[in-house]
Amino acid sequence: YLYPGDGTGGLLTRQLAVPASNWSTVTDVITPGDFNGDSKPDVLARAGDVLWLYPGDGAGGFGTRIQVSTGWSLLTQLF
């Protein structure tokens, strides 16, 4: 399920999350808060060796994903 934020610290109605094709290789997902400094919560996801940033758009969705770095396949879990 997806619990989208309402932009004021609350949550909107729960939605059934249907994965898009680029999520099929994701093995770990964390929510670090505002990772990119734009005052909107973001998501970090590991897919194989790559760590991706999915910047929050402030309306319950994401902007274009950004490759953060590589070399992440050696870790067993993200925190």
C-alpha atoms as a PDB file:
ATOM      1  CA  TYR A   1       0.000   0.000   0.000  1.00  0.00           C
ATOM      2  CA  LEU A   2       0.970   3.627  -0.493  1.00  0.00           C
ATOM      3  CA  TYR A   3       0.235   6.212   2.160  1.00  0.00           C
ATOM      4  CA  PRO A   4       0.792   9.517   0.327  1.00  0.00           C
ATOM      5  CA  GLY A   5       1.569  12.613   2.327  1.00  0.00           C
ATOM      6  CA  ASP A   6      -0.770  15.591   2.201  1.00  0.00           C
ATOM      7  CA  GLY A   7       2.017  18.177   2.298  1.00  0.00           C
ATOM      8  CA  THR A   8       1.192  19.291   5.839  1.00  0.00           C
ATOM      9  CA  GLY A   9       2.520  16.340   7.826  1.00  0.00           C
ATOM     10  CA  GLY A  10      -0.621  14.225   7.457  1.00  0.00           C
ATOM     11  CA  LEU A  11      -1.588  11.358   5.213  1.00  0.00           C
ATOM     12  CA  LEU A  12      -4.049  11.071   2.362  1.00  0.00           C
ATOM     13  CA  THR A  13      -6.229   8.017   1.746  1.00  0.00           C
ATOM     14  CA  ARG A  14      -4.365   4.704   1.500  1.00  0.00           C
ATOM     15  CA  GLN A  15      -3.904   3.516  -2.077  1.00  0.00           C
ATOM     16  CA  LEU A  16      -3.028   0.161  -3.564  1.00  0.00           C
ATOM     17  CA  ALA A  17       0.462   0.584  -4.964  1.00  0.00           C
ATOM     18  CA  VAL A  18       0.990  -1.007  -8.353  1.00  0.00           C
ATOM     19  CA  PRO A  19       4.708  -1.231  -9.126  1.00  0.00           C
ATOM     20  CA  ALA A  20       5.956   0.370 -12.311  1.00  0.00           C
ATOM     21  CA  SER A  21       8.394  -1.600 -14.441  1.00  0.00           C
ATOM     22  CA  ASN A  22      11.471   0.272 -13.054  1.00  0.00           C
ATOM     23  CA  TRP A  23      10.625  -1.002  -9.500  1.00  0.00           C
ATOM     24  CA  SER A  24      10.932  -4.684 -10.467  1.00  0.00           C
ATOM     25  CA  THR A  25      14.687  -4.793  -9.708  1.00  0.00           C
ATOM     26  CA  VAL A  26      14.525  -2.795  -6.457  1.00  0.00           C
ATOM     27  CA  THR A  27      15.642  -4.801  -3.432  1.00  0.00           C
ATOM     28  CA  ASP A  28      15.660  -2.114  -0.722  1.00  0.00           C
ATOM     29  CA  VAL A  29      13.748   1.118  -0.172  1.00  0.00           C
ATOM     30  CA  ILE A  30      14.270   3.706   2.565  1.00  0.00           C
ATOM     31  CA  THR A  31      12.707   7.077   3.280  1.00  0.00           C
ATOM     32  CA  PRO A  32      15.501   9.392   4.436  1.00  0.00           C
ATOM     33  CA  GLY A  33      13.297  12.482   4.700  1.00  0.00           C
ATOM     34  CA  ASP A  34      14.414  15.440   2.613  1.00  0.00           C
ATOM     35  CA  PHE A  35      17.538  13.988   1.012  1.00  0.00           C
ATOM     36  CA  ASN A  36      17.975  16.579  -1.763  1.00  0.00           C
ATOM     37  CA  GLY A  37      17.226  19.745   0.233  1.00  0.00           C
ATOM     38  CA  ASP A  38      14.024  20.859  -1.536  1.00  0.00           C
ATOM     39  CA  SER A  39      11.841  20.589   1.623  1.00  0.00           C
ATOM     40  CA  LYS A  40       9.949  17.546   0.271  1.00  0.00           C
ATOM     41  CA  PRO A  41      10.365  13.959   1.507  1.00  0.00           C
ATOM     42  CA  ASP A  42      12.285  11.655  -0.825  1.00  0.00           C
ATOM     43  CA  VAL A  43      12.851   7.918  -1.325  1.00  0.00           C
ATOM     44  CA  LEU A  44      16.139   6.076  -1.839  1.00  0.00           C
ATOM     45  CA  ALA A  45      16.026   2.710  -3.588  1.00  0.00           C
ATOM     46  CA  ARG A  46      18.723   0.158  -4.348  1.00  0.00           C
ATOM     47  CA  ALA A  47      18.496  -1.766  -7.596  1.00  0.00           C
ATOM     48  CA  GLY A  48      21.425  -4.129  -7.962  1.00  0.00           C
ATOM     49  CA  ASP A  49      24.592  -2.072  -7.663  1.00  0.00           C
ATOM     50  CA  VAL A  50      22.918   1.345  -8.035  1.00  0.00           C
ATOM     51  CA  LEU A  51      21.396   3.631  -5.400  1.00  0.00           C
ATOM     52  CA  TRP A  52      18.602   5.796  -6.856  1.00  0.00           C
ATOM     53  CA  LEU A  53      16.976   8.917  -5.473  1.00  0.00           C
ATOM     54  CA  TYR A  54      13.273   9.321  -6.178  1.00  0.00           C
ATOM     55  CA  PRO A  55      12.655  12.959  -5.268  1.00  0.00           C
ATOM     56  CA  GLY A  56       9.254  13.617  -3.755  1.00  0.00           C
ATOM     57  CA  ASP A  57       7.093  16.099  -5.639  1.00  0.00           C
ATOM     58  CA  GLY A  58       5.176  17.299  -2.581  1.00  0.00           C
ATOM     59  CA  ALA A  59       1.895  15.862  -3.882  1.00  0.00           C
ATOM     60  CA  GLY A  60       2.384  12.155  -3.149  1.00  0.00           C
ATOM     61  CA  GLY A  61       4.393  11.365  -6.284  1.00  0.00           C
ATOM     62  CA  PHE A  62       7.949  11.472  -7.514  1.00  0.00           C
ATOM     63  CA  GLY A  63      10.028  13.521  -9.904  1.00  0.00           C
ATOM     64  CA  THR A  64      12.541  11.963 -12.275  1.00  0.00           C
ATOM     65  CA  ARG A  65      14.793   9.467 -10.509  1.00  0.00           C
ATOM     66  CA  ILE A  66      18.458  10.397 -10.080  1.00  0.00           C
ATOM     67  CA  GLN A  67      21.392   8.005  -9.802  1.00  0.00           C
ATOM     68  CA  VAL A  68      23.138   8.730  -6.501  1.00  0.00           C
ATOM     69  CA  SER A  69      26.042   6.277  -6.753  1.00  0.00           C
ATOM     70  CA  THR A  70      27.122   2.725  -7.509  1.00  0.00           C
ATOM     71  CA  GLY A  71      28.774  -0.007  -5.460  1.00  0.00           C
ATOM     72  CA  TRP A  72      25.749  -0.827  -3.304  1.00  0.00           C
ATOM     73  CA  SER A  73      25.444  -4.534  -4.085  1.00  0.00           C
ATOM     74  CA  LEU A  74      27.945  -5.408  -1.326  1.00  0.00           C
ATOM     75  CA  LEU A  75      25.570  -4.259   1.415  1.00  0.00           C
ATOM     76  CA  THR A  76      22.955  -6.656   2.736  1.00  0.00           C
ATOM     77  CA  GLN A  77      20.525  -3.962   3.947  1.00  0.00           C
ATOM     78  CA  LEU A  78      19.983  -0.206   3.792  1.00  0.00           C
ATOM     79  CA  PHE A  79      19.119   1.680   6.967  1.00  0.00           C
END
